[in-house]
C-alpha atoms as a PDB file:
ATOM      1  CA  UNK A   1       3.392 -23.128  -3.872  1.00  0.00           C
ATOM      2  CA  UNK A   2      -0.104 -23.895  -2.420  1.00  0.00           C
ATOM      3  CA  UNK A   3       1.101 -26.525  -0.092  1.00  0.00           C
ATOM      4  CA  UNK A   4       3.722 -26.264   2.975  1.00  0.00           C
ATOM      5  CA  UNK A   5       1.367 -24.210   5.207  1.00  0.00           C
ATOM      6  CA  UNK A   6      -0.942 -26.469   7.602  1.00  0.00           C
ATOM      7  CA  UNK A   7      -4.593 -25.564   8.336  1.00  0.00           C
ATOM      8  CA  UNK A   8      -3.455 -24.549  11.848  1.00  0.00           C
ATOM      9  CA  UNK A   9      -1.002 -22.038  10.485  1.00  0.00           C
ATOM     10  CA  UNK A  10      -3.602 -20.335   8.447  1.00  0.00           C
ATOM     11  CA  UNK A  11      -6.109 -20.335  11.582  1.00  0.00           C
ATOM     12  CA  UNK A  12      -3.290 -18.745  13.613  1.00  0.00           C
ATOM     13  CA  UNK A  13      -2.857 -16.117  10.967  1.00  0.00           C
ATOM     14  CA  UNK A  14      -6.529 -15.208  10.786  1.00  0.00           C
ATOM     15  CA  UNK A  15      -6.759 -15.305  14.461  1.00  0.00           C
ATOM     16  CA  UNK A  16      -3.732 -12.785  14.852  1.00  0.00           C
ATOM     17  CA  UNK A  17      -5.591 -10.495  12.530  1.00  0.00           C
ATOM     18  CA  UNK A  18      -8.939 -10.779  14.329  1.00  0.00           C
ATOM     19  CA  UNK A  19      -7.085 -10.268  17.674  1.00  0.00           C
ATOM     20  CA  UNK A  20      -5.103  -7.260  16.491  1.00  0.00           C
ATOM     21  CA  UNK A  21      -8.295  -5.519  14.978  1.00  0.00           C
ATOM     22  CA  UNK A  22     -10.158  -6.303  18.146  1.00  0.00           C
ATOM     23  CA  UNK A  23      -7.244  -4.687  20.134  1.00  0.00           C
ATOM     24  CA  UNK A  24      -7.257  -1.801  18.028  1.00  0.00           C
ATOM     25  CA  UNK A  25     -10.844  -1.368  18.629  1.00  0.00           C
ATOM     26  CA  UNK A  26     -10.665  -1.722  22.404  1.00  0.00           C
ATOM     27  CA  UNK A  27      -7.890   0.687  22.713  1.00  0.00           C
ATOM     28  CA  UNK A  28      -8.790   3.275  20.251  1.00  0.00           C
ATOM     29  CA  UNK A  29     -12.502   2.799  20.155  1.00  0.00           C
ATOM     30  CA  UNK A  30     -13.984   4.711  17.402  1.00  0.00           C
ATOM     31  CA  UNK A  31     -11.312   7.170  17.339  1.00  0.00           C
ATOM     32  CA  UNK A  32     -10.748   8.831  13.891  1.00  0.00           C
ATOM     33  CA  UNK A  33      -7.070   9.742  14.532  1.00  0.00           C
ATOM     34  CA  UNK A  34      -7.860  13.490  14.709  1.00  0.00           C
ATOM     35  CA  UNK A  35      -4.864  14.145  16.754  1.00  0.00           C
ATOM     36  CA  UNK A  36      -1.312  13.365  15.006  1.00  0.00           C
ATOM     37  CA  UNK A  37      -0.034  11.537  18.194  1.00  0.00           C
ATOM     38  CA  UNK A  38      -2.921   9.060  18.205  1.00  0.00           C
ATOM     39  CA  UNK A  39      -2.365   8.452  14.490  1.00  0.00           C
ATOM     40  CA  UNK A  40       1.356   7.820  15.126  1.00  0.00           C
ATOM     41  CA  UNK A  41       0.680   5.577  17.984  1.00  0.00           C
ATOM     42  CA  UNK A  42      -1.873   3.569  16.233  1.00  0.00           C
ATOM     43  CA  UNK A  43       0.141   3.462  13.116  1.00  0.00           C
ATOM     44  CA  UNK A  44       3.198   2.120  15.196  1.00  0.00           C
ATOM     45  CA  UNK A  45       1.361  -0.596  16.987  1.00  0.00           C
ATOM     46  CA  UNK A  46       0.104  -1.940  13.513  1.00  0.00           C
ATOM     47  CA  UNK A  47       3.513  -1.994  12.089  1.00  0.00           C
ATOM     48  CA  UNK A  48       4.996  -3.821  15.204  1.00  0.00           C
ATOM     49  CA  UNK A  49       2.311  -6.443  14.760  1.00  0.00           C
ATOM     50  CA  UNK A  50       3.153  -6.813  11.127  1.00  0.00           C
ATOM     51  CA  UNK A  51       7.061  -7.203  11.946  1.00  0.00           C
ATOM     52  CA  UNK A  52       6.339  -9.218  14.942  1.00  0.00           C
ATOM     53  CA  UNK A  53       4.387 -11.656  12.902  1.00  0.00           C
ATOM     54  CA  UNK A  54       7.633 -12.771  11.226  1.00  0.00           C
ATOM     55  CA  UNK A  55       8.523 -14.417  14.562  1.00  0.00           C
ATOM     56  CA  UNK A  56       5.471 -16.902  14.001  1.00  0.00           C
ATOM     57  CA  UNK A  57       6.823 -17.423  10.380  1.00  0.00           C
ATOM     58  CA  UNK A  58      10.068 -18.228  11.705  1.00  0.00           C
ATOM     59  CA  UNK A  59       8.659 -20.949  14.044  1.00  0.00           C
ATOM     60  CA  UNK A  60       6.420 -22.359  11.129  1.00  0.00           C
ATOM     61  CA  UNK A  61       8.922 -21.944   8.141  1.00  0.00           C
ATOM     62  CA  UNK A  62      12.354 -21.363   9.678  1.00  0.00           C
ATOM     63  CA  UNK A  63      14.870 -18.434   9.047  1.00  0.00           C
ATOM     64  CA  UNK A  64      14.215 -18.527   5.350  1.00  0.00           C
ATOM     65  CA  UNK A  65      10.553 -18.020   5.435  1.00  0.00           C
ATOM     66  CA  UNK A  66      10.973 -15.332   8.037  1.00  0.00           C
ATOM     67  CA  UNK A  67      13.305 -13.334   5.920  1.00  0.00           C
ATOM     68  CA  UNK A  68      11.140 -13.866   3.129  1.00  0.00           C
ATOM     69  CA  UNK A  69       8.250 -12.512   4.781  1.00  0.00           C
ATOM     70  CA  UNK A  70      10.150  -9.265   6.218  1.00  0.00           C
ATOM     71  CA  UNK A  71      11.256  -8.767   2.740  1.00  0.00           C
ATOM     72  CA  UNK A  72       7.638  -8.988   1.138  1.00  0.00           C
ATOM     73  CA  UNK A  73       6.259  -6.958   4.123  1.00  0.00           C
ATOM     74  CA  UNK A  74       8.662  -3.995   3.572  1.00  0.00           C
ATOM     75  CA  UNK A  75       8.141  -4.024  -0.043  1.00  0.00           C
ATOM     76  CA  UNK A  76       4.235  -3.858   0.344  1.00  0.00           C
ATOM     77  CA  UNK A  77       4.325  -1.303   3.073  1.00  0.00           C
ATOM     78  CA  UNK A  78       6.497   0.856   0.871  1.00  0.00           C
ATOM     79  CA  UNK A  79       4.339   0.518  -2.033  1.00  0.00           C
ATOM     80  CA  UNK A  80       1.308   1.189   0.140  1.00  0.00           C
ATOM     81  CA  UNK A  81       2.934   4.603   1.204  1.00  0.00           C
ATOM     82  CA  UNK A  82       2.692   5.607  -2.553  1.00  0.00           C
ATOM     83  CA  UNK A  83      -0.846   4.529  -2.754  1.00  0.00           C
ATOM     84  CA  UNK A  84      -1.754   6.730   0.321  1.00  0.00           C
ATOM     85  CA  UNK A  85      -0.211   9.688  -1.347  1.00  0.00           C
ATOM     86  CA  UNK A  86      -2.716   9.135  -4.228  1.00  0.00           C
ATOM     87  CA  UNK A  87      -5.550   8.818  -1.912  1.00  0.00           C
ATOM     88  CA  UNK A  88      -4.652  12.218  -0.192  1.00  0.00           C
ATOM     89  CA  UNK A  89      -4.916  13.715  -3.707  1.00  0.00           C
ATOM     90  CA  UNK A  90      -8.194  12.150  -4.371  1.00  0.00           C
ATOM     91  CA  UNK A  91      -9.773  13.239  -1.032  1.00  0.00           C
ATOM     92  CA  UNK A  92      -8.607  16.759  -1.566  1.00  0.00           C
ATOM     93  CA  UNK A  93     -10.236  16.729  -5.044  1.00  0.00           C
ATOM     94  CA  UNK A  94     -13.514  15.762  -3.516  1.00  0.00           C
ATOM     95  CA  UNK A  95     -13.021  17.894  -0.509  1.00  0.00           C
ATOM     96  CA  UNK A  96     -13.915  15.137   2.069  1.00  0.00           C
ATOM     97  CA  UNK A  97     -13.941  15.722   5.682  1.00  0.00           C
ATOM     98  CA  UNK A  98     -11.661  13.707   7.867  1.00  0.00           C
ATOM     99  CA  UNK A  99     -14.617  11.693   9.084  1.00  0.00           C
ATOM    100  CA  UNK A 100     -15.657  10.714   5.585  1.00  0.00           C
ATOM    101  CA  UNK A 101     -12.160   9.861   4.777  1.00  0.00           C
ATOM    102  CA  UNK A 102     -12.148   7.465   7.609  1.00  0.00           C
ATOM    103  CA  UNK A 103     -15.179   5.907   6.365  1.00  0.00           C
ATOM    104  CA  UNK A 104     -13.789   5.385   2.916  1.00  0.00           C
ATOM    105  CA  UNK A 105     -10.599   4.177   3.966  1.00  0.00           C
ATOM    106  CA  UNK A 106     -12.283   1.435   6.146  1.00  0.00           C
ATOM    107  CA  UNK A 107     -14.014   0.081   3.301  1.00  0.00           C
ATOM    108  CA  UNK A 108     -11.037   0.881   1.010  1.00  0.00           C
ATOM    109  CA  UNK A 109      -9.013  -1.398   3.138  1.00  0.00           C
ATOM    110  CA  UNK A 110     -11.646  -4.285   3.460  1.00  0.00           C
ATOM    111  CA  UNK A 111     -11.845  -4.357  -0.156  1.00  0.00           C
ATOM    112  CA  UNK A 112      -7.928  -4.349  -0.613  1.00  0.00           C
ATOM    113  CA  UNK A 113      -7.526  -7.504   1.472  1.00  0.00           C
ATOM    114  CA  UNK A 114     -10.176  -9.326  -0.777  1.00  0.00           C
ATOM    115  CA  UNK A 115      -8.688  -7.813  -3.982  1.00  0.00           C
ATOM    116  CA  UNK A 116      -5.272  -8.861  -2.947  1.00  0.00           C
ATOM    117  CA  UNK A 117      -6.356 -12.475  -2.448  1.00  0.00           C
ATOM    118  CA  UNK A 118      -7.575 -12.593  -5.995  1.00  0.00           C
ATOM    119  CA  UNK A 119      -4.550 -11.024  -7.600  1.00  0.00           C
ATOM    120  CA  UNK A 120      -2.114 -13.041  -5.380  1.00  0.00           C
ATOM    121  CA  UNK A 121      -3.988 -16.503  -6.524  1.00  0.00           C
ATOM    122  CA  UNK A 122      -3.904 -15.356 -10.097  1.00  0.00           C
ATOM    123  CA  UNK A 123      -0.265 -14.177 -10.363  1.00  0.00           C
ATOM    124  CA  UNK A 124       0.908 -17.311  -8.373  1.00  0.00           C
ATOM    125  CA  UNK A 125      -0.896 -19.439 -10.523  1.00  0.00           C
ATOM    126  CA  UNK A 126       0.577 -17.776 -13.588  1.00  0.00           C
ATOM    127  CA  UNK A 127       4.076 -18.344 -12.223  1.00  0.00           C
ATOM    128  CA  UNK A 128       3.451 -21.726 -11.152  1.00  0.00           C
ATOM    129  CA  UNK A 129       2.176 -22.905 -14.601  1.00  0.00           C
ATOM    130  CA  UNK A 130       3.872 -20.516 -17.151  1.00  0.00           C
ATOM    131  CA  UNK A 131       7.387 -19.821 -16.026  1.00  0.00           C
ATOM    132  CA  UNK A 132       7.692 -17.166 -18.771  1.00  0.00           C
ATOM    133  CA  UNK A 133       5.593 -14.834 -17.028  1.00  0.00           C
ATOM    134  CA  UNK A 134       8.408 -14.365 -14.407  1.00  0.00           C
ATOM    135  CA  UNK A 135      10.024 -12.156 -17.301  1.00  0.00           C
ATOM    136  CA  UNK A 136       6.851 -10.249 -18.044  1.00  0.00           C
ATOM    137  CA  UNK A 137       6.586  -9.413 -14.451  1.00  0.00           C
ATOM    138  CA  UNK A 138      10.090  -8.532 -14.243  1.00  0.00           C
ATOM    139  CA  UNK A 139      10.020  -6.234 -17.201  1.00  0.00           C
ATOM    140  CA  UNK A 140       6.697  -4.566 -15.887  1.00  0.00           C
ATOM    141  CA  UNK A 141       8.426  -3.854 -12.884  1.00  0.00           C
ATOM    142  CA  UNK A 142      11.474  -2.258 -14.430  1.00  0.00           C
ATOM    143  CA  UNK A 143       9.227  -0.062 -16.614  1.00  0.00           C
ATOM    144  CA  UNK A 144       7.140   0.903 -13.601  1.00  0.00           C
ATOM    145  CA  UNK A 145      10.175   1.761 -11.515  1.00  0.00           C
ATOM    146  CA  UNK A 146      11.715   3.821 -14.369  1.00  0.00           C
ATOM    147  CA  UNK A 147       8.360   5.540 -15.128  1.00  0.00           C
ATOM    148  CA  UNK A 148       8.074   6.561 -11.365  1.00  0.00           C
ATOM    149  CA  UNK A 149      11.459   7.990 -11.345  1.00  0.00           C
ATOM    150  CA  UNK A 150      10.994  10.332 -14.180  1.00  0.00           C
ATOM    151  CA  UNK A 151       7.466  11.237 -13.077  1.00  0.00           C
ATOM    152  CA  UNK A 152       7.571  11.130  -9.394  1.00  0.00           C
ATOM    153  CA  UNK A 153       6.857  14.874  -9.058  1.00  0.00           C
ATOM    154  CA  UNK A 154       3.682  14.913 -11.196  1.00  0.00           C
ATOM    155  CA  UNK A 155       0.413  14.740  -9.405  1.00  0.00           C
ATOM    156  CA  UNK A 156      -2.537  12.602 -10.793  1.00  0.00           C
ATOM    157  CA  UNK A 157      -5.839  14.308 -11.937  1.00  0.00           C
ATOM    158  CA  UNK A 158      -8.553  12.340 -10.300  1.00  0.00           C
ATOM    159  CA  UNK A 159     -11.179  13.817 -12.744  1.00  0.00           C
ATOM    160  CA  UNK A 160      -9.372  11.696 -15.433  1.00  0.00           C
ATOM    161  CA  UNK A 161      -9.864   8.532 -13.419  1.00  0.00           C
ATOM    162  CA  UNK A 162     -11.562   5.946 -15.752  1.00  0.00           C
ATOM    163  CA  UNK A 163     -13.515   4.405 -12.803  1.00  0.00           C
ATOM    164  CA  UNK A 164     -14.944   7.749 -11.930  1.00  0.00           C
ATOM    165  CA  UNK A 165     -15.921   8.785 -15.342  1.00  0.00           C
ATOM    166  CA  UNK A 166     -17.790   5.522 -16.123  1.00  0.00           C
ATOM    167  CA  UNK A 167     -19.564   5.819 -12.805  1.00  0.00           C
ATOM    168  CA  UNK A 168     -20.669   9.347 -13.397  1.00  0.00           C
ATOM    169  CA  UNK A 169     -21.850   8.202 -16.930  1.00  0.00           C
ATOM    170  CA  UNK A 170     -23.814   5.092 -15.957  1.00  0.00           C
ATOM    171  CA  UNK A 171     -24.920   5.708 -12.308  1.00  0.00           C
ATOM    172  CA  UNK A 172     -27.233   8.389 -11.230  1.00  0.00           C
ATOM    173  CA  UNK A 173     -25.323  10.379  -8.717  1.00  0.00           C
ATOM    174  CA  UNK A 174     -26.885  12.741  -6.242  1.00  0.00           C
ATOM    175  CA  UNK A 175     -25.641  16.243  -5.956  1.00  0.00           C
ATOM    176  CA  UNK A 176     -24.993  16.272  -2.304  1.00  0.00           C
ATOM    177  CA  UNK A 177     -23.570  13.832   0.479  1.00  0.00           C
ATOM    178  CA  UNK A 178     -26.176  12.162   2.670  1.00  0.00           C
ATOM    179  CA  UNK A 179     -24.393  11.520   5.935  1.00  0.00           C
ATOM    180  CA  UNK A 180     -22.341   8.372   5.778  1.00  0.00           C
ATOM    181  CA  UNK A 181     -24.470   6.818   3.242  1.00  0.00           C
ATOM    182  CA  UNK A 182     -23.075   5.587  -0.019  1.00  0.00           C
ATOM    183  CA  UNK A 183     -26.651   5.208  -1.258  1.00  0.00           C
ATOM    184  CA  UNK A 184     -29.689   7.566  -1.063  1.00  0.00           C
ATOM    185  CA  UNK A 185     -33.141   8.348  -2.344  1.00  0.00           C
ATOM    186  CA  UNK A 186     -34.297  11.521  -3.892  1.00  0.00           C
ATOM    187  CA  UNK A 187     -38.107  11.343  -4.193  1.00  0.00           C
ATOM    188  CA  UNK A 188     -38.821   7.901  -5.531  1.00  0.00           C
ATOM    189  CA  UNK A 189     -35.421   7.131  -7.249  1.00  0.00           C
ATOM    190  CA  UNK A 190     -32.328   5.790  -5.861  1.00  0.00           C
ATOM    191  CA  UNK A 191     -28.972   7.479  -6.304  1.00  0.00           C
ATOM    192  CA  UNK A 192     -25.404   6.764  -5.323  1.00  0.00           C
ATOM    193  CA  UNK A 193     -23.763   9.535  -3.287  1.00  0.00           C
ATOM    194  CA  UNK A 194     -20.498  11.297  -4.077  1.00  0.00           C
ATOM    195  CA  UNK A 195     -19.062   9.374  -1.233  1.00  0.00           C
ATOM    196  CA  UNK A 196     -19.660   6.242  -3.270  1.00  0.00           C
ATOM    197  CA  UNK A 197     -17.947   7.898  -6.001  1.00  0.00           C
ATOM    198  CA  UNK A 198     -14.841   8.399  -3.902  1.00  0.00           C
ATOM    199  CA  UNK A 199     -14.837   4.854  -2.739  1.00  0.00           C
ATOM    200  CA  UNK A 200     -15.073   3.692  -6.446  1.00  0.00           C
ATOM    201  CA  UNK A 201     -11.901   5.805  -7.156  1.00  0.00           C
ATOM    202  CA  UNK A 202     -10.175   4.356  -4.292  1.00  0.00           C
ATOM    203  CA  UNK A 203     -10.803   0.705  -4.862  1.00  0.00           C
ATOM    204  CA  UNK A 204      -9.920   1.118  -8.565  1.00  0.00           C
ATOM    205  CA  UNK A 205      -6.798   2.835  -7.709  1.00  0.00           C
ATOM    206  CA  UNK A 206      -5.819   0.057  -5.375  1.00  0.00           C
ATOM    207  CA  UNK A 207      -6.502  -2.426  -8.131  1.00  0.00           C
ATOM    208  CA  UNK A 208      -4.009  -0.535 -10.230  1.00  0.00           C
ATOM    209  CA  UNK A 209      -1.602  -0.547  -7.321  1.00  0.00           C
ATOM    210  CA  UNK A 210      -2.173  -4.225  -6.857  1.00  0.00           C
ATOM    211  CA  UNK A 211      -0.650  -4.860 -10.537  1.00  0.00           C
ATOM    212  CA  UNK A 212       2.619  -3.498  -9.311  1.00  0.00           C
ATOM    213  CA  UNK A 213       2.812  -4.796  -5.839  1.00  0.00           C
ATOM    214  CA  UNK A 214       1.759  -8.276  -6.374  1.00  0.00           C
ATOM    215  CA  UNK A 215       4.299  -9.189  -8.937  1.00  0.00           C
ATOM    216  CA  UNK A 216       6.840  -7.402  -6.419  1.00  0.00           C
ATOM    217  CA  UNK A 217       5.968  -9.636  -3.719  1.00  0.00           C
ATOM    218  CA  UNK A 218       5.741 -12.731  -5.700  1.00  0.00           C
ATOM    219  CA  UNK A 219       9.314 -12.033  -6.834  1.00  0.00           C
ATOM    220  CA  UNK A 220      10.473 -12.434  -3.315  1.00  0.00           C
ATOM    221  CA  UNK A 221       8.679 -15.719  -2.613  1.00  0.00           C
ATOM    222  CA  UNK A 222       6.062 -18.146  -4.195  1.00  0.00           C
ATOM    223  CA  UNK A 223       4.872 -19.149  -0.855  1.00  0.00           C
ATOM    224  CA  UNK A 224       1.209 -18.320  -0.834  1.00  0.00           C
ATOM    225  CA  UNK A 225       1.148 -17.986   3.185  1.00  0.00           C
ATOM    226  CA  UNK A 226       4.048 -15.669   3.243  1.00  0.00           C
ATOM    227  CA  UNK A 227       2.998 -13.612   0.143  1.00  0.00           C
ATOM    228  CA  UNK A 228      -0.827 -13.176   1.472  1.00  0.00           C
ATOM    229  CA  UNK A 229       0.061 -12.567   5.258  1.00  0.00           C
ATOM    230  CA  UNK A 230       2.761  -9.828   4.226  1.00  0.00           C
ATOM    231  CA  UNK A 231       0.123  -8.215   2.140  1.00  0.00           C
ATOM    232  CA  UNK A 232      -2.666  -8.297   4.708  1.00  0.00           C
ATOM    233  CA  UNK A 233      -0.491  -7.071   7.779  1.00  0.00           C
ATOM    234  CA  UNK A 234       0.910  -4.397   5.283  1.00  0.00           C
ATOM    235  CA  UNK A 235      -2.526  -3.144   4.395  1.00  0.00           C
ATOM    236  CA  UNK A 236      -3.913  -3.208   7.962  1.00  0.00           C
ATOM    237  CA  UNK A 237      -3.329  -0.004   9.841  1.00  0.00           C
ATOM    238  CA  UNK A 238      -3.247   2.113   6.654  1.00  0.00           C
ATOM    239  CA  UNK A 239      -6.058   4.338   8.075  1.00  0.00           C
ATOM    240  CA  UNK A 240      -3.896   5.607  10.844  1.00  0.00           C
ATOM    241  CA  UNK A 241      -0.835   5.715   8.403  1.00  0.00           C
ATOM    242  CA  UNK A 242      -2.625   7.842   5.971  1.00  0.00           C
ATOM    243  CA  UNK A 243      -3.137  10.687   8.501  1.00  0.00           C
ATOM    244  CA  UNK A 244       0.408  10.393   9.649  1.00  0.00           C
ATOM    245  CA  UNK A 245       1.451  10.841   6.047  1.00  0.00           C
ATOM    246  CA  UNK A 246      -1.131  13.439   5.434  1.00  0.00           C
ATOM    247  CA  UNK A 247       0.445  15.639   8.053  1.00  0.00           C
ATOM    248  CA  UNK A 248       3.861  15.020   6.900  1.00  0.00           C
ATOM    249  CA  UNK A 249       3.330  15.598   3.336  1.00  0.00           C
ATOM    250  CA  UNK A 250       6.291  17.170   1.551  1.00  0.00           C
ATOM    251  CA  UNK A 251       8.656  16.054   4.361  1.00  0.00           C
ATOM    252  CA  UNK A 252       9.690  12.709   2.700  1.00  0.00           C
ATOM    253  CA  UNK A 253      10.269  13.849  -0.734  1.00  0.00           C
ATOM    254  CA  UNK A 254      12.845  11.068  -1.731  1.00  0.00           C
ATOM    255  CA  UNK A 255      10.418   8.185  -0.914  1.00  0.00           C
ATOM    256  CA  UNK A 256       9.200   8.117  -4.222  1.00  0.00           C
ATOM    257  CA  UNK A 257      12.825   7.808  -5.507  1.00  0.00           C
ATOM    258  CA  UNK A 258      13.501   5.034  -3.219  1.00  0.00           C
ATOM    259  CA  UNK A 259      10.353   3.180  -4.264  1.00  0.00           C
ATOM    260  CA  UNK A 260      11.500   3.550  -7.806  1.00  0.00           C
ATOM    261  CA  UNK A 261      14.914   2.038  -6.974  1.00  0.00           C
ATOM    262  CA  UNK A 262      13.455  -0.908  -5.276  1.00  0.00           C
ATOM    263  CA  UNK A 263      10.905  -1.611  -7.908  1.00  0.00           C
ATOM    264  CA  UNK A 264      13.757  -1.533 -10.598  1.00  0.00           C
ATOM    265  CA  UNK A 265      15.952  -3.775  -8.296  1.00  0.00           C
ATOM    266  CA  UNK A 266      13.095  -6.413  -7.848  1.00  0.00           C
ATOM    267  CA  UNK A 267      12.341  -6.259 -11.511  1.00  0.00           C
ATOM    268  CA  UNK A 268      16.011  -6.921 -12.371  1.00  0.00           C
ATOM    269  CA  UNK A 269      16.115  -9.623  -9.831  1.00  0.00           C
ATOM    270  CA  UNK A 270      13.152 -11.473 -11.556  1.00  0.00           C
ATOM    271  CA  UNK A 271      14.713 -11.188 -14.976  1.00  0.00           C
ATOM    272  CA  UNK A 272      17.983 -12.553 -13.637  1.00  0.00           C
ATOM    273  CA  UNK A 273      16.441 -15.319 -11.659  1.00  0.00           C
ATOM    274  CA  UNK A 274      17.401 -18.141 -13.888  1.00  0.00           C
ATOM    275  CA  UNK A 275      20.939 -16.663 -14.165  1.00  0.00           C
ATOM    276  CA  UNK A 276      21.600 -15.559 -10.729  1.00  0.00           C
ATOM    277  CA  UNK A 277      19.543 -16.295  -7.487  1.00  0.00           C
ATOM    278  CA  UNK A 278      20.166 -13.368  -5.212  1.00  0.00           C
ATOM    279  CA  UNK A 279      19.313 -14.638  -1.711  1.00  0.00           C
ATOM    280  CA  UNK A 280      16.410 -12.416   0.096  1.00  0.00           C
ATOM    281  CA  UNK A 281      18.792 -11.710   2.868  1.00  0.00           C
ATOM    282  CA  UNK A 282      20.776  -9.676   0.294  1.00  0.00           C
ATOM    283  CA  UNK A 283      17.320  -8.077  -1.019  1.00  0.00           C
ATOM    284  CA  UNK A 284      16.370  -7.179   2.647  1.00  0.00           C
ATOM    285  CA  UNK A 285      19.802  -5.486   3.081  1.00  0.00           C
ATOM    286  CA  UNK A 286      19.079  -3.378  -0.251  1.00  0.00           C
ATOM    287  CA  UNK A 287      15.708  -2.206   0.671  1.00  0.00           C
ATOM    288  CA  UNK A 288      16.644  -1.253   4.226  1.00  0.00           C
ATOM    289  CA  UNK A 289      19.448   0.871   2.961  1.00  0.00           C
ATOM    290  CA  UNK A 290      17.665   2.462   0.205  1.00  0.00           C
ATOM    291  CA  UNK A 291      14.748   3.361   2.732  1.00  0.00           C
ATOM    292  CA  UNK A 292      17.209   4.585   5.136  1.00  0.00           C
ATOM    293  CA  UNK A 293      19.097   6.849   2.781  1.00  0.00           C
ATOM    294  CA  UNK A 294      15.763   8.153   1.487  1.00  0.00           C
ATOM    295  CA  UNK A 295      14.325   8.921   4.839  1.00  0.00           C
ATOM    296  CA  UNK A 296      17.700  10.636   6.096  1.00  0.00           C
ATOM    297  CA  UNK A 297      17.817  12.627   2.899  1.00  0.00           C
ATOM    298  CA  UNK A 298      14.436  13.733   3.203  1.00  0.00           C
ATOM    299  CA  UNK A 299      14.771  14.618   6.787  1.00  0.00           C
ATOM    300  CA  UNK A 300      17.953  16.559   6.013  1.00  0.00           C
ATOM    301  CA  UNK A 301      16.250  18.454   3.184  1.00  0.00           C
ATOM    302  CA  UNK A 302      13.195  19.328   5.170  1.00  0.00           C
ATOM    303  CA  UNK A 303      15.458  20.672   8.101  1.00  0.00           C
ATOM    304  CA  UNK A 304      17.843  22.721   5.824  1.00  0.00           C
ATOM    305  CA  UNK A 305      16.793  26.256   5.547  1.00  0.00           C
ATOM    306  CA  UNK A 306      16.770  27.560   1.940  1.00  0.00           C
ATOM    307  CA  UNK A 307      19.718  29.818   1.120  1.00  0.00           C
ATOM    308  CA  UNK A 308      18.373  33.261   0.432  1.00  0.00           C
ATOM    309  CA  UNK A 309      20.107  35.403  -2.345  1.00  0.00           C
ATOM    310  CA  UNK A 310      22.387  38.066  -0.679  1.00  0.00           C
ATOM    311  CA  UNK A 311      21.489  41.602  -2.061  1.00  0.00           C
ATOM    312  CA  UNK A 312      24.726  43.017  -3.661  1.00  0.00           C
ATOM    313  CA  UNK A 313      26.186  46.097  -1.969  1.00  0.00           C
ATOM    314  CA  UNK A 314      25.047  49.262  -3.569  1.00  0.00           C
END
């Protein structure tokens, strides 16, 4: 689990991430994706980098490792879509401007990269030392997928977020924003700004999503390099993807159903792993078909005019 990838392999991964981030900065500068076209191009380039990294994984670990990476990347990317829809609800609740949304998302993505590393190490260690945890993870994913399937139309209420309620109870919060600052002073007293509260809710939400996504990716492979690389490349570029989804909100209504199907599929795969080992090439096919059907059905529904009731003749 922890072996099999050379130091050079890890350095190449880190180098690719840094080069991609530098390229993004040089091409788009401080652009905040205020135009949909910019957000689409930026998001597409990040997805291309994430998918293209599978070529390096192929050179490093062969076709099996490359397929494992692609499956893990697609699973994590799909799960991140659901995460972004929740972020949209949070930002609307707090009434954040697009500029402030960008700032929160920047730190939120940075925090997610760190938190995923912690969750992946903990989850991989649990599976490595306690095989029975695979059944716990599998059952949890089945439950999560089923719960999502029956409640995908319900919208969360950010005011009931545990982290938000605790922060408001124990931290001094200023009434107004102070530019881009997370902390401010009123007189001689230090306060956290409402922007900090939004960041707390976003980070806490990502922790909750990591509880779903990490077991799902660990169901694909126990190779730490493949798991973490797929997570990082799926997370990077989420800021641009967020603004694409914000514009397309409501046009992909079946993605939630696709996500629930994929989660239940992966959960069942974990539960049956000791009886039947389904190759990841088959898993990749299931995920791609499910996504394709969901996107096609969503597009068809969005472009199909609602039938109007005919007025009966008098």
